[in-house]
Amino acid sequence: MAERETIRAMWQEYRRAVIPADAPPVQIVECRRAFYGGLWALMCRLYANADGTMTDTAAADYMKDLEAEMRRFKNSVGTALEGRE
């Protein structure tokens, strides 16, 4: 079985890619909280939807909708549209 990536490893990769090396400690702490908070919110929603009340098709559609929303956010970063959706 392949080794599974930890949330900590994902956070460290995100930190290297997104947060400036000279960022103040408060920025790092707040970004880390937001990173873990976002993952927590997603996991809570996915577990809630996995209770057997959602069909496989509806679950797949939901995942596609979430992916599309994440792509819209990614594409808006650094543009006049960022934060307006």
C-alpha atoms as a PDB file:
ATOM      1  CA  MET A   1       0.000   0.000   0.000  1.00  0.00           C
ATOM      2  CA  ALA A   2       1.292   3.437  -0.902  1.00  0.00           C
ATOM      3  CA  GLU A   3       2.205   5.802   1.903  1.00  0.00           C
ATOM      4  CA  ARG A   4      -0.588   8.238   2.677  1.00  0.00           C
ATOM      5  CA  GLU A   5       0.153  11.946   2.774  1.00  0.00           C
ATOM      6  CA  THR A   6      -0.588  13.528   6.143  1.00  0.00           C
ATOM      7  CA  ILE A   7      -2.416  16.804   6.678  1.00  0.00           C
ATOM      8  CA  ARG A   8       0.800  18.121   8.212  1.00  0.00           C
ATOM      9  CA  ALA A   9       2.682  17.332   5.007  1.00  0.00           C
ATOM     10  CA  MET A  10      -0.034  19.028   2.928  1.00  0.00           C
ATOM     11  CA  TRP A  11       0.167  22.096   5.190  1.00  0.00           C
ATOM     12  CA  GLN A  12       3.959  22.235   4.888  1.00  0.00           C
ATOM     13  CA  GLU A  13       3.740  22.002   1.104  1.00  0.00           C
ATOM     14  CA  TYR A  14       1.090  24.746   1.044  1.00  0.00           C
ATOM     15  CA  ARG A  15       3.180  26.920   3.365  1.00  0.00           C
ATOM     16  CA  ARG A  16       6.253  26.613   1.135  1.00  0.00           C
ATOM     17  CA  ALA A  17       4.236  27.350  -2.006  1.00  0.00           C
ATOM     18  CA  VAL A  18       2.047  30.197  -0.775  1.00  0.00           C
ATOM     19  CA  ILE A  19       3.344  31.934   2.344  1.00  0.00           C
ATOM     20  CA  PRO A  20       6.348  34.230   1.947  1.00  0.00           C
ATOM     21  CA  ALA A  21       9.495  33.012   3.725  1.00  0.00           C
ATOM     22  CA  ASP A  22       9.646  36.266   5.696  1.00  0.00           C
ATOM     23  CA  ALA A  23       5.989  36.158   6.780  1.00  0.00           C
ATOM     24  CA  PRO A  24       5.420  37.215  10.371  1.00  0.00           C
ATOM     25  CA  PRO A  25       4.544  34.442  12.845  1.00  0.00           C
ATOM     26  CA  VAL A  26       0.941  35.654  13.175  1.00  0.00           C
ATOM     27  CA  GLN A  27       0.402  35.218   9.429  1.00  0.00           C
ATOM     28  CA  ILE A  28       1.733  31.667   9.582  1.00  0.00           C
ATOM     29  CA  VAL A  29      -0.459  30.798  12.585  1.00  0.00           C
ATOM     30  CA  GLU A  30      -3.598  32.299  11.024  1.00  0.00           C
ATOM     31  CA  CYS A  31      -2.959  30.633   7.656  1.00  0.00           C
ATOM     32  CA  ARG A  32      -2.413  27.286   9.373  1.00  0.00           C
ATOM     33  CA  ARG A  33      -5.665  27.670  11.289  1.00  0.00           C
ATOM     34  CA  ALA A  34      -7.520  28.523   8.077  1.00  0.00           C
ATOM     35  CA  PHE A  35      -5.919  25.577   6.256  1.00  0.00           C
ATOM     36  CA  TYR A  36      -6.892  23.067   8.939  1.00  0.00           C
ATOM     37  CA  GLY A  37     -10.293  24.747   9.413  1.00  0.00           C
ATOM     38  CA  GLY A  38     -11.085  24.420   5.733  1.00  0.00           C
ATOM     39  CA  LEU A  39     -10.165  20.766   5.763  1.00  0.00           C
ATOM     40  CA  TRP A  40     -12.208  20.233   8.931  1.00  0.00           C
ATOM     41  CA  ALA A  41     -15.286  21.849   7.361  1.00  0.00           C
ATOM     42  CA  LEU A  42     -14.932  19.719   4.230  1.00  0.00           C
ATOM     43  CA  MET A  43     -14.497  16.507   6.220  1.00  0.00           C
ATOM     44  CA  CYS A  44     -17.554  17.296   8.344  1.00  0.00           C
ATOM     45  CA  ARG A  45     -19.656  17.852   5.234  1.00  0.00           C
ATOM     46  CA  LEU A  46     -18.384  14.702   3.535  1.00  0.00           C
ATOM     47  CA  TYR A  47     -19.098  12.590   6.614  1.00  0.00           C
ATOM     48  CA  ALA A  48     -22.568  14.114   6.913  1.00  0.00           C
ATOM     49  CA  ASN A  49     -23.249  13.245   3.269  1.00  0.00           C
ATOM     50  CA  ALA A  50     -21.957   9.703   3.760  1.00  0.00           C
ATOM     51  CA  ASP A  51     -24.770   8.816   6.156  1.00  0.00           C
ATOM     52  CA  GLY A  52     -26.579   6.863   3.476  1.00  0.00           C
ATOM     53  CA  THR A  53     -29.144   9.500   2.569  1.00  0.00           C
ATOM     54  CA  MET A  54     -27.275  10.680  -0.531  1.00  0.00           C
ATOM     55  CA  THR A  55     -27.122   8.544  -3.651  1.00  0.00           C
ATOM     56  CA  ASP A  56     -23.771   7.774  -5.251  1.00  0.00           C
ATOM     57  CA  THR A  57     -24.720   9.963  -8.202  1.00  0.00           C
ATOM     58  CA  ALA A  58     -25.642  12.885  -5.939  1.00  0.00           C
ATOM     59  CA  ALA A  59     -22.391  12.445  -3.976  1.00  0.00           C
ATOM     60  CA  ALA A  60     -20.344  12.450  -7.189  1.00  0.00           C
ATOM     61  CA  ASP A  61     -22.186  15.542  -8.396  1.00  0.00           C
ATOM     62  CA  TYR A  62     -21.523  17.240  -5.056  1.00  0.00           C
ATOM     63  CA  MET A  63     -17.796  16.483  -5.325  1.00  0.00           C
ATOM     64  CA  LYS A  64     -17.761  17.905  -8.862  1.00  0.00           C
ATOM     65  CA  ASP A  65     -19.504  21.052  -7.627  1.00  0.00           C
ATOM     66  CA  LEU A  66     -16.933  21.459  -4.839  1.00  0.00           C
ATOM     67  CA  GLU A  67     -14.089  20.970  -7.309  1.00  0.00           C
ATOM     68  CA  ALA A  68     -15.569  23.566  -9.656  1.00  0.00           C
ATOM     69  CA  GLU A  69     -15.913  26.031  -6.794  1.00  0.00           C
ATOM     70  CA  MET A  70     -12.286  25.446  -5.741  1.00  0.00           C
ATOM     71  CA  ARG A  71     -11.138  26.005  -9.332  1.00  0.00           C
ATOM     72  CA  ARG A  72     -13.118  29.267  -9.525  1.00  0.00           C
ATOM     73  CA  PHE A  73     -11.467  30.411  -6.314  1.00  0.00           C
ATOM     74  CA  LYS A  74      -8.001  29.421  -7.540  1.00  0.00           C
ATOM     75  CA  ASN A  75      -8.549  31.257 -10.809  1.00  0.00           C
ATOM     76  CA  SER A  76      -9.754  34.388  -9.002  1.00  0.00           C
ATOM     77  CA  VAL A  77      -6.709  34.698  -6.732  1.00  0.00           C
ATOM     78  CA  GLY A  78      -4.829  37.869  -7.549  1.00  0.00           C
ATOM     79  CA  THR A  79      -7.619  39.242  -9.755  1.00  0.00           C
ATOM     80  CA  ALA A  80     -10.304  41.869  -9.214  1.00  0.00           C
ATOM     81  CA  LEU A  81     -12.779  39.011  -8.718  1.00  0.00           C
ATOM     82  CA  GLU A  82     -10.971  37.585  -5.667  1.00  0.00           C
ATOM     83  CA  GLY A  83     -13.206  37.576  -2.610  1.00  0.00           C
ATOM     84  CA  ARG A  84     -16.304  38.663  -4.510  1.00  0.00           C
ATOM     85  CA  GLU A  85     -17.915  35.276  -5.018  1.00  0.00           C
END
